[in-house]
Amino acid sequence: MTDPNFAAYVPSVRGSFAWEPIPDGCILYEESTGKMITLNATAEAVLTHCDGETTVAEICRAIEGEFQISPEEAESVLKRLQDEGVI
């Protein structure tokens, strides 16, 4: 983890996104804003861990084992979700 403060953050999904599965990922759609975001399978798996109880560090460790990606890559996905206003 590159940012210890972010590692302790406990993310949860904001708003009311509809979750539509697609091959190799999903599409998130927030009707109230018209915002649509396409996630690959890794990003979708990361998002499923954003339950308001699991820290970023814990999510990164879980995803690292599931998808064989580095904690930094998982952290990057979480930061993107945060920047997009999903978490």
Protein backbone atom coordinates (compact mmCIF):
# COMPACT_ATOMS: atom_id res chain seq x y z
CA MET A 1 0.00 0.00 0.00
CA THR A 2 1.31 3.39 -0.89
CA ASP A 3 -0.95 5.55 1.30
CA PRO A 4 -1.41 4.42 4.92
CA ASN A 5 -4.39 6.75 5.42
CA PHE A 6 -6.16 5.29 2.39
CA ALA A 7 -5.31 1.76 3.58
CA ALA A 8 -7.39 2.37 6.72
CA TYR A 9 -10.36 3.77 4.78
CA VAL A 10 -13.53 1.63 4.92
CA PRO A 11 -15.33 2.14 1.60
CA SER A 12 -18.97 1.49 0.82
CA VAL A 13 -21.01 2.01 -2.34
CA ARG A 14 -22.57 5.48 -2.52
CA GLY A 15 -25.91 6.32 -4.03
CA SER A 16 -28.20 3.86 -5.69
CA PHE A 17 -26.31 2.30 -8.56
CA ALA A 18 -28.05 -0.33 -10.66
CA TRP A 19 -25.65 -3.18 -11.32
CA GLU A 20 -25.93 -4.84 -14.76
CA PRO A 21 -23.67 -7.84 -15.44
CA ILE A 22 -21.86 -8.00 -18.77
CA PRO A 23 -19.26 -10.47 -20.04
CA ASP A 24 -16.07 -9.90 -18.04
CA GLY A 25 -17.49 -7.24 -15.71
CA CYS A 26 -20.51 -5.04 -15.11
CA ILE A 27 -22.07 -1.68 -15.87
CA LEU A 28 -23.07 0.59 -13.00
CA TYR A 29 -25.85 3.07 -13.68
CA GLU A 30 -27.11 5.75 -11.34
CA GLU A 31 -30.53 6.79 -12.55
CA SER A 32 -30.70 10.03 -10.56
CA THR A 33 -27.58 11.43 -12.27
CA GLY A 34 -27.46 9.40 -15.49
CA LYS A 35 -23.93 8.37 -14.60
CA MET A 36 -22.79 5.10 -16.20
CA ILE A 37 -19.52 3.33 -15.43
CA THR A 38 -18.19 0.13 -16.99
CA LEU A 39 -16.08 -2.09 -14.74
CA ASN A 40 -13.93 -5.05 -15.72
CA ALA A 41 -14.14 -8.27 -13.69
CA THR A 42 -11.36 -7.19 -11.32
CA ALA A 43 -12.94 -3.82 -10.59
CA GLU A 44 -16.32 -5.50 -10.10
CA ALA A 45 -14.76 -7.91 -7.58
CA VAL A 46 -13.12 -4.99 -5.78
CA LEU A 47 -16.47 -3.23 -5.57
CA THR A 48 -18.19 -6.28 -4.07
CA HIS A 49 -15.81 -5.97 -1.11
CA CYS A 50 -16.82 -2.32 -0.49
CA ASP A 51 -19.29 -3.22 2.23
CA GLY A 52 -18.67 -0.47 4.77
CA GLU A 53 -16.90 -2.94 7.07
CA THR A 54 -13.76 -3.96 5.17
CA THR A 55 -10.72 -1.67 4.98
CA VAL A 56 -8.90 -0.86 1.77
CA ALA A 57 -5.90 -2.87 3.01
CA GLU A 58 -8.13 -5.92 3.60
CA ILE A 59 -9.78 -5.54 0.19
CA CYS A 60 -6.39 -5.30 -1.51
CA ARG A 61 -5.20 -8.50 0.20
CA ALA A 62 -8.38 -10.37 -0.78
CA ILE A 63 -8.24 -9.22 -4.41
CA GLU A 64 -4.54 -9.97 -4.64
CA GLY A 65 -5.31 -13.61 -3.83
CA GLU A 66 -8.34 -13.83 -6.14
CA PHE A 67 -6.91 -12.13 -9.22
CA GLN A 68 -3.13 -12.35 -8.87
CA ILE A 69 -2.71 -8.57 -8.96
CA SER A 70 -0.54 -6.43 -6.75
CA PRO A 71 -1.97 -4.50 -3.80
CA GLU A 72 -1.00 -1.31 -5.64
CA GLU A 73 -3.15 -2.32 -8.62
CA ALA A 74 -6.11 -3.06 -6.33
CA GLU A 75 -5.54 0.27 -4.57
CA SER A 76 -5.57 1.99 -7.96
CA VAL A 77 -8.97 0.44 -8.75
CA LEU A 78 -10.33 1.64 -5.39
CA LYS A 79 -9.03 5.17 -6.03
CA ARG A 80 -10.71 5.17 -9.44
CA LEU A 81 -13.99 4.07 -7.85
CA GLN A 82 -13.60 6.85 -5.30
CA ASP A 83 -12.80 9.45 -8.01
CA GLU A 84 -15.88 8.32 -9.96
CA GLY A 85 -18.04 8.81 -6.85
CA VAL A 86 -18.97 5.13 -6.60
CA ILE A 87 -17.46 4.69 -3.14
